[in-house]
Each structure stands twice: as C-alpha cells, then as structure tokens.
Amino acid sequence: MTDRADSKWIDDWNPEDETFWKASGKRIARRNLIWSIVAENLGFSIWLIWSVTATRLPKIGFHYTTEQLFNLVAVPGLVGALMRFPYAFAVPKFGGRNWTIVSALLLFIPTTALAVLVTRPDTPYWLMVTAAATAGLGGGNFASSMANISFFYPDREKGFALGLNCPACW
C-alpha cells in the first residue's frame, strides 16, 4: 500500500487562494492545460473524421447508399453526445491526468478500426457503423477535457483556459 502523501494525487486544491496559485497552482494548471489541449485536439479530430471519410468512401469502392453514408457521419456525433456524461464524471473519480491518459489511449480503437476498414471495400455496413460509433469516444474525450480543466483554474482565469482548451472555439 502506498502512502497518499507519496503519490501524485492532489488532495488539496484551491486556485482561488492567491498564495497557493502563485506558489504551485499556476504551474500545475498550465501543465495540465497543455496536455489537455493535445488530448482534446486529438479527440475532436477523431470524433469528426467520419464527416470527411464518409464522403470519400464511394470513390474508393464502397457501395453504400446516400442514407447509409449520412448515418456514418451522424453516428459518431450521437455516441459522442452520449459519452459526454460518463466521461465528464470520470474526471473527479479517476483524476484529471489519469483520465486524460486513458481517454486519449481509447482513441486508438476508432483510429485503428478506420485505418483497417477503409482498405476493405467489401466491409459490411454494420461493421462500418460500429467503427464509426467508436469515433464517438472522441466526443467523450472532448467533454472530459473541458471538465478537467475547469477544476484547475480560478474563476477569473477559467474562461481563458477553457477557450484555449477548446479546438472548436478557435
């Protein structure tokens, strides 16, 4: 068993306290913001990649209907919207850094699925929809990243930090 004092877990966080903020809070918040920006941009890109991919599938030999192609674009958005709830609650449960790493690593699932399936024009539609649905993990990543950063900054700087953290805001 490890002593909680020896761990990297943050037990006491008060960004509104000027002394705390200047002594250590600002540095920790900035480090978390940088890694969060990287993870969120990755998640956002993977979440939206099907909107580009679906339009190109017929050109590389896929024979899906227009309705099926629209569904391939819509499904990641739906799944991403649903994943926002558990992902946002995961931040306080597992810790911002831990969850940022886990949620970013989960993005290998939709990335690998897309990379493999687009090389196979005979892929059944149901399998392609399943792969597109996994891209919704990027939407969950997006939500958890925003929830993570909101904990780290004092109210007077929260808007700026969240603005930097949001690739859709740029």
N, C-alpha and C. Protein backbone atom coordinates (compact mmCIF):
# COMPACT_ATOMS: atom_id res chain seq x y z
N MET A 1 0.83 -1.18 0.00
CA MET A 1 0.00 0.00 0.00
C MET A 1 0.88 1.25 0.00
N THR A 2 0.56 2.18 -0.84
CA THR A 2 1.36 3.41 -0.89
C THR A 2 0.73 4.48 -0.01
N ASP A 3 1.59 5.29 0.56
CA ASP A 3 1.13 6.40 1.37
C ASP A 3 0.61 7.49 0.44
N ARG A 4 -0.53 8.03 0.75
CA ARG A 4 -1.15 9.06 -0.07
C ARG A 4 -0.25 10.29 -0.22
N ALA A 5 0.58 10.55 0.80
CA ALA A 5 1.49 11.69 0.74
C ALA A 5 2.59 11.50 -0.30
N ASP A 6 2.91 10.24 -0.60
CA ASP A 6 3.94 9.94 -1.59
C ASP A 6 3.40 9.91 -3.01
N SER A 7 2.09 9.93 -3.17
CA SER A 7 1.51 9.81 -4.50
C SER A 7 1.46 11.16 -5.20
N LYS A 8 1.08 11.14 -6.45
CA LYS A 8 0.94 12.37 -7.24
C LYS A 8 -0.49 12.88 -7.21
N TRP A 9 -1.32 12.28 -6.38
CA TRP A 9 -2.72 12.68 -6.26
C TRP A 9 -2.81 14.03 -5.58
N ILE A 10 -3.68 14.91 -6.05
CA ILE A 10 -3.85 16.23 -5.45
C ILE A 10 -4.96 16.12 -4.41
N ASP A 11 -4.59 16.30 -3.15
CA ASP A 11 -5.58 16.22 -2.08
C ASP A 11 -6.19 17.57 -1.74
N ASP A 12 -5.46 18.63 -1.95
CA ASP A 12 -5.93 19.95 -1.58
C ASP A 12 -5.66 20.90 -2.75
N TRP A 13 -6.73 21.45 -3.30
CA TRP A 13 -6.57 22.33 -4.45
C TRP A 13 -7.45 23.56 -4.24
N ASN A 14 -6.82 24.72 -4.24
CA ASN A 14 -7.56 25.95 -4.02
C ASN A 14 -7.01 27.05 -4.93
N PRO A 15 -7.38 27.05 -6.19
CA PRO A 15 -6.84 28.05 -7.12
C PRO A 15 -7.29 29.48 -6.80
N GLU A 16 -8.31 29.65 -5.99
CA GLU A 16 -8.77 30.99 -5.64
C GLU A 16 -7.85 31.65 -4.61
N ASP A 17 -7.03 30.87 -3.92
CA ASP A 17 -6.08 31.39 -2.95
C ASP A 17 -4.85 31.90 -3.71
N GLU A 18 -4.64 33.22 -3.70
CA GLU A 18 -3.54 33.84 -4.47
C GLU A 18 -2.17 33.26 -4.12
N THR A 19 -1.91 33.02 -2.85
CA THR A 19 -0.62 32.48 -2.42
C THR A 19 -0.41 31.09 -3.00
N PHE A 20 -1.42 30.25 -2.86
CA PHE A 20 -1.35 28.90 -3.41
C PHE A 20 -1.16 28.95 -4.94
N TRP A 21 -1.94 29.82 -5.59
CA TRP A 21 -1.90 29.91 -7.05
C TRP A 21 -0.51 30.29 -7.54
N LYS A 22 0.09 31.28 -6.91
CA LYS A 22 1.42 31.73 -7.32
C LYS A 22 2.51 30.72 -6.96
N ALA A 23 2.39 30.04 -5.82
CA ALA A 23 3.41 29.11 -5.36
C ALA A 23 3.46 27.83 -6.18
N SER A 24 2.31 27.23 -6.46
CA SER A 24 2.34 25.95 -7.19
C SER A 24 1.15 25.73 -8.11
N GLY A 25 0.02 26.34 -7.81
CA GLY A 25 -1.19 26.09 -8.58
C GLY A 25 -1.09 26.44 -10.05
N LYS A 26 -0.52 27.61 -10.34
CA LYS A 26 -0.44 28.06 -11.73
C LYS A 26 0.39 27.12 -12.59
N ARG A 27 1.52 26.66 -12.05
CA ARG A 27 2.40 25.76 -12.79
C ARG A 27 1.70 24.42 -13.08
N ILE A 28 1.03 23.88 -12.09
CA ILE A 28 0.32 22.60 -12.25
C ILE A 28 -0.84 22.77 -13.24
N ALA A 29 -1.57 23.86 -13.10
CA ALA A 29 -2.71 24.11 -14.00
C ALA A 29 -2.23 24.26 -15.44
N ARG A 30 -1.14 24.99 -15.65
CA ARG A 30 -0.61 25.18 -17.01
C ARG A 30 -0.17 23.85 -17.62
N ARG A 31 0.53 23.02 -16.84
CA ARG A 31 0.95 21.71 -17.35
C ARG A 31 -0.26 20.87 -17.76
N ASN A 32 -1.29 20.87 -16.91
CA ASN A 32 -2.50 20.12 -17.24
C ASN A 32 -3.20 20.69 -18.47
N LEU A 33 -3.18 21.99 -18.61
CA LEU A 33 -3.81 22.62 -19.78
C LEU A 33 -3.10 22.21 -21.06
N ILE A 34 -1.79 22.21 -21.06
CA ILE A 34 -1.03 21.83 -22.26
C ILE A 34 -1.37 20.42 -22.69
N TRP A 35 -1.33 19.47 -21.76
CA TRP A 35 -1.63 18.08 -22.12
C TRP A 35 -3.10 17.90 -22.48
N SER A 36 -3.94 18.67 -21.86
CA SER A 36 -5.36 18.60 -22.18
C SER A 36 -5.63 19.11 -23.59
N ILE A 37 -4.94 20.18 -23.99
CA ILE A 37 -5.09 20.71 -25.35
C ILE A 37 -4.69 19.65 -26.38
N VAL A 38 -3.59 18.97 -26.13
CA VAL A 38 -3.14 17.91 -27.05
C VAL A 38 -4.18 16.80 -27.14
N ALA A 39 -4.62 16.31 -25.97
CA ALA A 39 -5.59 15.21 -25.95
C ALA A 39 -6.93 15.62 -26.56
N GLU A 40 -7.36 16.84 -26.26
CA GLU A 40 -8.66 17.27 -26.78
C GLU A 40 -8.63 17.49 -28.29
N ASN A 41 -7.57 18.04 -28.81
CA ASN A 41 -7.46 18.20 -30.26
C ASN A 41 -7.47 16.85 -30.96
N LEU A 42 -6.78 15.89 -30.39
CA LEU A 42 -6.78 14.53 -30.93
C LEU A 42 -8.20 13.96 -30.88
N GLY A 43 -8.84 14.06 -29.73
CA GLY A 43 -10.20 13.54 -29.59
C GLY A 43 -11.18 14.20 -30.53
N PHE A 44 -11.10 15.52 -30.65
CA PHE A 44 -12.01 16.25 -31.52
C PHE A 44 -11.81 15.84 -32.98
N SER A 45 -10.56 15.67 -33.38
CA SER A 45 -10.26 15.26 -34.76
C SER A 45 -10.81 13.89 -35.06
N ILE A 46 -10.64 12.97 -34.14
CA ILE A 46 -11.13 11.60 -34.35
C ILE A 46 -12.65 11.57 -34.32
N TRP A 47 -13.24 12.39 -33.49
CA TRP A 47 -14.70 12.47 -33.40
C TRP A 47 -15.29 12.91 -34.74
N LEU A 48 -14.63 13.83 -35.41
CA LEU A 48 -15.18 14.39 -36.64
C LEU A 48 -14.65 13.77 -37.93
N ILE A 49 -13.74 12.83 -37.84
CA ILE A 49 -13.09 12.31 -39.05
C ILE A 49 -14.08 11.60 -39.98
N TRP A 50 -15.16 11.06 -39.43
CA TRP A 50 -16.11 10.36 -40.29
C TRP A 50 -16.88 11.32 -41.20
N SER A 51 -16.96 12.58 -40.84
CA SER A 51 -17.64 13.53 -41.73
C SER A 51 -16.86 13.72 -43.02
N VAL A 52 -15.58 13.51 -42.99
CA VAL A 52 -14.76 13.58 -44.20
C VAL A 52 -14.68 12.20 -44.85
N THR A 53 -14.48 11.19 -44.04
CA THR A 53 -14.29 9.83 -44.55
C THR A 53 -15.50 9.33 -45.33
N ALA A 54 -16.68 9.54 -44.79
CA ALA A 54 -17.89 9.01 -45.43
C ALA A 54 -18.07 9.55 -46.84
N THR A 55 -17.71 10.80 -47.07
CA THR A 55 -17.87 11.38 -48.41
C THR A 55 -16.91 10.78 -49.42
N ARG A 56 -15.83 10.20 -48.95
CA ARG A 56 -14.81 9.63 -49.84
C ARG A 56 -14.98 8.13 -50.09
N LEU A 57 -15.78 7.47 -49.30
CA LEU A 57 -15.91 6.01 -49.42
C LEU A 57 -16.35 5.54 -50.81
N PRO A 58 -17.35 6.18 -51.45
CA PRO A 58 -17.74 5.71 -52.78
C PRO A 58 -16.60 5.79 -53.81
N LYS A 59 -15.72 6.76 -53.66
CA LYS A 59 -14.61 6.92 -54.61
C LYS A 59 -13.57 5.81 -54.49
N ILE A 60 -13.56 5.12 -53.35
CA ILE A 60 -12.57 4.04 -53.20
C ILE A 60 -13.23 2.66 -53.23
N GLY A 61 -14.47 2.61 -53.73
CA GLY A 61 -15.08 1.32 -54.00
C GLY A 61 -16.16 0.84 -53.05
N PHE A 62 -16.55 1.64 -52.08
CA PHE A 62 -17.63 1.24 -51.17
C PHE A 62 -18.97 1.52 -51.83
N HIS A 63 -19.92 0.60 -51.67
CA HIS A 63 -21.22 0.73 -52.34
C HIS A 63 -22.34 0.92 -51.31
N TYR A 64 -22.22 1.96 -50.52
CA TYR A 64 -23.24 2.29 -49.54
C TYR A 64 -24.19 3.31 -50.14
N THR A 65 -25.44 3.29 -49.67
CA THR A 65 -26.42 4.27 -50.14
C THR A 65 -26.10 5.63 -49.52
N THR A 66 -26.72 6.66 -50.07
CA THR A 66 -26.54 8.01 -49.52
C THR A 66 -27.00 8.06 -48.07
N GLU A 67 -28.11 7.39 -47.78
CA GLU A 67 -28.61 7.35 -46.40
C GLU A 67 -27.60 6.68 -45.47
N GLN A 68 -27.01 5.60 -45.93
CA GLN A 68 -26.01 4.91 -45.10
C GLN A 68 -24.79 5.81 -44.86
N LEU A 69 -24.37 6.54 -45.87
CA LEU A 69 -23.24 7.44 -45.71
C LEU A 69 -23.55 8.55 -44.71
N PHE A 70 -24.78 9.09 -44.78
CA PHE A 70 -25.18 10.10 -43.80
C PHE A 70 -25.18 9.52 -42.38
N ASN A 71 -25.62 8.28 -42.26
CA ASN A 71 -25.60 7.64 -40.94
C ASN A 71 -24.18 7.48 -40.41
N LEU A 72 -23.23 7.19 -41.30
CA LEU A 72 -21.83 7.07 -40.87
C LEU A 72 -21.30 8.39 -40.32
N VAL A 73 -21.84 9.49 -40.80
CA VAL A 73 -21.45 10.81 -40.29
C VAL A 73 -22.16 11.10 -38.98
N ALA A 74 -23.44 10.70 -38.87
CA ALA A 74 -24.25 11.05 -37.70
C ALA A 74 -23.94 10.21 -36.46
N VAL A 75 -23.62 8.95 -36.65
CA VAL A 75 -23.44 8.04 -35.51
C VAL A 75 -22.34 8.49 -34.54
N PRO A 76 -21.16 8.92 -35.01
CA PRO A 76 -20.16 9.39 -34.03
C PRO A 76 -20.64 10.59 -33.21
N GLY A 77 -21.42 11.46 -33.82
CA GLY A 77 -21.96 12.59 -33.08
C GLY A 77 -22.92 12.15 -31.99
N LEU A 78 -23.78 11.19 -32.31
CA LEU A 78 -24.72 10.67 -31.32
C LEU A 78 -24.00 9.97 -30.18
N VAL A 79 -23.08 9.09 -30.52
CA VAL A 79 -22.33 8.37 -29.48
C VAL A 79 -21.49 9.34 -28.66
N GLY A 80 -20.87 10.29 -29.32
CA GLY A 80 -20.07 11.30 -28.61
C GLY A 80 -20.91 12.09 -27.62
N ALA A 81 -22.13 12.44 -28.03
CA ALA A 81 -23.01 13.18 -27.13
C ALA A 81 -23.36 12.33 -25.91
N LEU A 82 -23.61 11.05 -26.11
CA LEU A 82 -23.93 10.16 -25.00
C LEU A 82 -22.72 9.89 -24.10
N MET A 83 -21.54 9.83 -24.69
CA MET A 83 -20.33 9.54 -23.92
C MET A 83 -19.90 10.72 -23.05
N ARG A 84 -20.41 11.89 -23.34
CA ARG A 84 -20.02 13.07 -22.57
C ARG A 84 -20.38 12.91 -21.09
N PHE A 85 -21.48 12.26 -20.80
CA PHE A 85 -21.91 12.10 -19.40
C PHE A 85 -20.93 11.24 -18.60
N PRO A 86 -20.70 9.99 -18.99
CA PRO A 86 -19.76 9.19 -18.18
C PRO A 86 -18.33 9.73 -18.22
N TYR A 87 -17.92 10.28 -19.33
CA TYR A 87 -16.55 10.81 -19.42
C TYR A 87 -16.36 12.01 -18.49
N ALA A 88 -17.35 12.89 -18.42
CA ALA A 88 -17.23 14.07 -17.56
C ALA A 88 -17.19 13.67 -16.09
N PHE A 89 -17.95 12.65 -15.72
CA PHE A 89 -17.94 12.19 -14.33
C PHE A 89 -16.68 11.38 -14.00
N ALA A 90 -15.99 10.90 -15.02
CA ALA A 90 -14.77 10.11 -14.79
C ALA A 90 -13.62 10.98 -14.27
N VAL A 91 -13.62 12.26 -14.62
CA VAL A 91 -12.53 13.16 -14.21
C VAL A 91 -12.39 13.22 -12.69
N PRO A 92 -13.45 13.55 -11.95
CA PRO A 92 -13.27 13.59 -10.49
C PRO A 92 -13.08 12.20 -9.87
N LYS A 93 -13.60 11.19 -10.53
CA LYS A 93 -13.49 9.83 -9.99
C LYS A 93 -12.07 9.27 -10.10
N PHE A 94 -11.44 9.43 -11.26
CA PHE A 94 -10.13 8.83 -11.51
C PHE A 94 -8.97 9.82 -11.50
N GLY A 95 -9.29 11.10 -11.50
CA GLY A 95 -8.26 12.13 -11.55
C GLY A 95 -8.09 12.62 -12.97
N GLY A 96 -7.88 13.91 -13.12
CA GLY A 96 -7.79 14.53 -14.45
C GLY A 96 -6.68 13.96 -15.30
N ARG A 97 -5.49 13.84 -14.75
CA ARG A 97 -4.35 13.33 -15.52
C ARG A 97 -4.59 11.88 -15.92
N ASN A 98 -5.02 11.07 -14.97
CA ASN A 98 -5.26 9.66 -15.26
C ASN A 98 -6.31 9.49 -16.35
N TRP A 99 -7.40 10.22 -16.21
CA TRP A 99 -8.47 10.07 -17.19
C TRP A 99 -8.09 10.65 -18.55
N THR A 100 -7.30 11.71 -18.57
CA THR A 100 -6.84 12.26 -19.84
C THR A 100 -6.02 11.21 -20.58
N ILE A 101 -5.16 10.50 -19.88
CA ILE A 101 -4.34 9.45 -20.50
C ILE A 101 -5.22 8.31 -20.99
N VAL A 102 -6.11 7.83 -20.14
CA VAL A 102 -6.98 6.71 -20.52
C VAL A 102 -7.86 7.08 -21.71
N SER A 103 -8.49 8.25 -21.63
CA SER A 103 -9.40 8.63 -22.72
C SER A 103 -8.65 8.86 -24.03
N ALA A 104 -7.41 9.34 -23.94
CA ALA A 104 -6.61 9.50 -25.16
C ALA A 104 -6.19 8.14 -25.72
N LEU A 105 -5.82 7.22 -24.85
CA LEU A 105 -5.44 5.88 -25.32
C LEU A 105 -6.63 5.14 -25.95
N LEU A 106 -7.83 5.38 -25.45
CA LEU A 106 -9.02 4.76 -26.03
C LEU A 106 -9.25 5.19 -27.48
N LEU A 107 -8.65 6.31 -27.88
CA LEU A 107 -8.81 6.78 -29.25
C LEU A 107 -8.08 5.91 -30.27
N PHE A 108 -7.24 5.00 -29.79
CA PHE A 108 -6.62 4.05 -30.71
C PHE A 108 -7.67 3.10 -31.30
N ILE A 109 -8.76 2.87 -30.59
CA ILE A 109 -9.80 1.97 -31.09
C ILE A 109 -10.42 2.51 -32.38
N PRO A 110 -10.99 3.72 -32.39
CA PRO A 110 -11.58 4.20 -33.64
C PRO A 110 -10.54 4.45 -34.73
N THR A 111 -9.35 4.86 -34.33
CA THR A 111 -8.30 5.13 -35.33
C THR A 111 -7.89 3.85 -36.04
N THR A 112 -7.67 2.81 -35.28
CA THR A 112 -7.27 1.52 -35.87
C THR A 112 -8.41 0.94 -36.70
N ALA A 113 -9.63 1.01 -36.17
CA ALA A 113 -10.78 0.48 -36.92
C ALA A 113 -10.92 1.18 -38.26
N LEU A 114 -10.81 2.49 -38.27
CA LEU A 114 -10.92 3.24 -39.52
C LEU A 114 -9.80 2.88 -40.48
N ALA A 115 -8.58 2.85 -39.98
CA ALA A 115 -7.43 2.55 -40.84
C ALA A 115 -7.54 1.18 -41.49
N VAL A 116 -8.05 0.21 -40.76
CA VAL A 116 -8.17 -1.14 -41.31
C VAL A 116 -9.36 -1.25 -42.26
N LEU A 117 -10.51 -0.74 -41.86
CA LEU A 117 -11.73 -0.95 -42.65
C LEU A 117 -11.78 -0.17 -43.95
N VAL A 118 -11.18 1.00 -44.03
CA VAL A 118 -11.24 1.74 -45.29
C VAL A 118 -10.40 1.08 -46.39
N THR A 119 -9.58 0.14 -46.04
CA THR A 119 -8.80 -0.58 -47.05
C THR A 119 -9.56 -1.79 -47.59
N ARG A 120 -10.77 -2.01 -47.09
CA ARG A 120 -11.56 -3.18 -47.47
C ARG A 120 -12.95 -2.76 -47.96
N PRO A 121 -13.10 -2.51 -49.25
CA PRO A 121 -14.41 -2.06 -49.77
C PRO A 121 -15.54 -3.06 -49.58
N ASP A 122 -15.23 -4.30 -49.26
CA ASP A 122 -16.27 -5.30 -49.04
C ASP A 122 -16.74 -5.33 -47.58
N THR A 123 -16.30 -4.37 -46.78
CA THR A 123 -16.70 -4.30 -45.37
C THR A 123 -18.21 -4.16 -45.27
N PRO A 124 -18.85 -5.03 -44.49
CA PRO A 124 -20.30 -4.90 -44.33
C PRO A 124 -20.66 -3.58 -43.64
N TYR A 125 -21.80 -3.05 -44.00
CA TYR A 125 -22.22 -1.75 -43.47
C TYR A 125 -22.31 -1.76 -41.94
N TRP A 126 -22.84 -2.83 -41.35
CA TRP A 126 -22.99 -2.89 -39.90
C TRP A 126 -21.63 -2.75 -39.20
N LEU A 127 -20.59 -3.31 -39.80
CA LEU A 127 -19.26 -3.22 -39.20
C LEU A 127 -18.70 -1.80 -39.34
N MET A 128 -18.98 -1.17 -40.46
CA MET A 128 -18.53 0.20 -40.66
C MET A 128 -19.26 1.14 -39.70
N VAL A 129 -20.54 0.92 -39.45
CA VAL A 129 -21.28 1.74 -38.49
C VAL A 129 -20.71 1.54 -37.08
N THR A 130 -20.36 0.33 -36.75
CA THR A 130 -19.76 0.05 -35.45
C THR A 130 -18.44 0.79 -35.30
N ALA A 131 -17.64 0.79 -36.33
CA ALA A 131 -16.37 1.52 -36.31
C ALA A 131 -16.61 3.02 -36.17
N ALA A 132 -17.60 3.52 -36.91
CA ALA A 132 -17.93 4.95 -36.82
C ALA A 132 -18.41 5.30 -35.40
N ALA A 133 -19.17 4.40 -34.80
CA ALA A 133 -19.66 4.64 -33.44
C ALA A 133 -18.51 4.79 -32.45
N THR A 134 -17.45 4.02 -32.64
CA THR A 134 -16.31 4.13 -31.71
C THR A 134 -15.64 5.50 -31.79
N ALA A 135 -15.81 6.19 -32.91
CA ALA A 135 -15.26 7.54 -33.02
C ALA A 135 -15.95 8.49 -32.04
N GLY A 136 -17.12 8.10 -31.55
CA GLY A 136 -17.79 8.89 -30.52
C GLY A 136 -16.98 9.00 -29.24
N LEU A 137 -16.01 8.10 -29.06
CA LEU A 137 -15.12 8.21 -27.90
C LEU A 137 -14.37 9.55 -27.93
N GLY A 138 -14.15 10.07 -29.13
CA GLY A 138 -13.52 11.38 -29.24
C GLY A 138 -14.40 12.49 -28.68
N GLY A 139 -15.72 12.35 -28.82
CA GLY A 139 -16.63 13.32 -28.23
C GLY A 139 -16.62 13.26 -26.71
N GLY A 140 -16.51 12.04 -26.19
CA GLY A 140 -16.38 11.90 -24.74
C GLY A 140 -15.08 12.50 -24.25
N ASN A 141 -14.02 12.30 -25.01
CA ASN A 141 -12.71 12.87 -24.67
C ASN A 141 -12.81 14.38 -24.61
N PHE A 142 -13.51 14.95 -25.55
CA PHE A 142 -13.71 16.39 -25.61
C PHE A 142 -14.37 16.89 -24.33
N ALA A 143 -15.43 16.22 -23.90
CA ALA A 143 -16.17 16.64 -22.70
C ALA A 143 -15.33 16.49 -21.44
N SER A 144 -14.62 15.38 -21.33
CA SER A 144 -13.84 15.18 -20.11
C SER A 144 -12.68 16.16 -20.03
N SER A 145 -12.15 16.54 -21.16
CA SER A 145 -11.06 17.51 -21.17
C SER A 145 -11.54 18.85 -20.65
N MET A 146 -12.70 19.27 -21.07
CA MET A 146 -13.25 20.54 -20.60
C MET A 146 -13.55 20.48 -19.10
N ALA A 147 -14.11 19.35 -18.65
CA ALA A 147 -14.40 19.20 -17.22
C ALA A 147 -13.10 19.20 -16.40
N ASN A 148 -12.08 18.57 -16.93
CA ASN A 148 -10.80 18.50 -16.23
C ASN A 148 -10.22 19.89 -16.02
N ILE A 149 -10.15 20.68 -17.05
CA ILE A 149 -9.51 21.99 -16.97
C ILE A 149 -10.31 22.95 -16.08
N SER A 150 -11.62 22.83 -16.06
CA SER A 150 -12.41 23.74 -15.24
C SER A 150 -12.09 23.62 -13.76
N PHE A 151 -11.60 22.47 -13.31
CA PHE A 151 -11.23 22.29 -11.91
C PHE A 151 -9.94 23.02 -11.54
N PHE A 152 -9.06 23.23 -12.50
CA PHE A 152 -7.71 23.70 -12.20
C PHE A 152 -7.55 25.21 -12.10
N TYR A 153 -8.42 25.96 -12.72
CA TYR A 153 -8.20 27.41 -12.81
C TYR A 153 -9.13 28.20 -11.89
N PRO A 154 -8.64 29.32 -11.39
CA PRO A 154 -9.52 30.19 -10.61
C PRO A 154 -10.58 30.80 -11.53
N ASP A 155 -11.68 31.19 -10.95
CA ASP A 155 -12.79 31.72 -11.75
C ASP A 155 -12.36 32.85 -12.68
N ARG A 156 -11.45 33.69 -12.24
CA ARG A 156 -11.03 34.85 -13.04
C ARG A 156 -10.25 34.44 -14.29
N GLU A 157 -9.72 33.21 -14.34
CA GLU A 157 -8.94 32.74 -15.50
C GLU A 157 -9.55 31.53 -16.20
N LYS A 158 -10.65 31.05 -15.69
CA LYS A 158 -11.27 29.84 -16.21
C LYS A 158 -11.71 29.98 -17.67
N GLY A 159 -12.31 31.09 -18.02
CA GLY A 159 -12.78 31.29 -19.39
C GLY A 159 -11.65 31.26 -20.39
N PHE A 160 -10.54 31.90 -20.06
CA PHE A 160 -9.38 31.91 -20.96
C PHE A 160 -8.82 30.50 -21.14
N ALA A 161 -8.68 29.77 -20.03
CA ALA A 161 -8.15 28.40 -20.10
C ALA A 161 -9.07 27.48 -20.90
N LEU A 162 -10.36 27.59 -20.67
CA LEU A 162 -11.31 26.76 -21.42
C LEU A 162 -11.34 27.14 -22.90
N GLY A 163 -11.17 28.42 -23.18
CA GLY A 163 -11.10 28.86 -24.58
C GLY A 163 -9.88 28.28 -25.30
N LEU A 164 -8.74 28.26 -24.62
CA LEU A 164 -7.54 27.66 -25.21
C LEU A 164 -7.72 26.16 -25.39
N ASN A 165 -8.41 25.55 -24.46
CA ASN A 165 -8.58 24.10 -24.46
C ASN A 165 -9.57 23.60 -25.51
N CYS A 166 -10.38 24.48 -26.03
CA CYS A 166 -11.46 24.08 -26.94
C CYS A 166 -11.07 24.28 -28.41
N PRO A 167 -10.74 23.21 -29.13
CA PRO A 167 -10.36 23.38 -30.54
C PRO A 167 -11.52 23.89 -31.40
N ALA A 168 -12.75 23.59 -31.01
CA ALA A 168 -13.90 24.08 -31.78
C ALA A 168 -14.09 25.57 -31.61
N CYS A 169 -13.49 26.12 -30.56
CA CYS A 169 -13.62 27.56 -30.29
C CYS A 169 -12.64 28.39 -31.12
N TRP A 170 -11.67 27.76 -31.68
CA TRP A 170 -10.63 28.50 -32.40
C TRP A 170 -11.20 28.95 -33.70
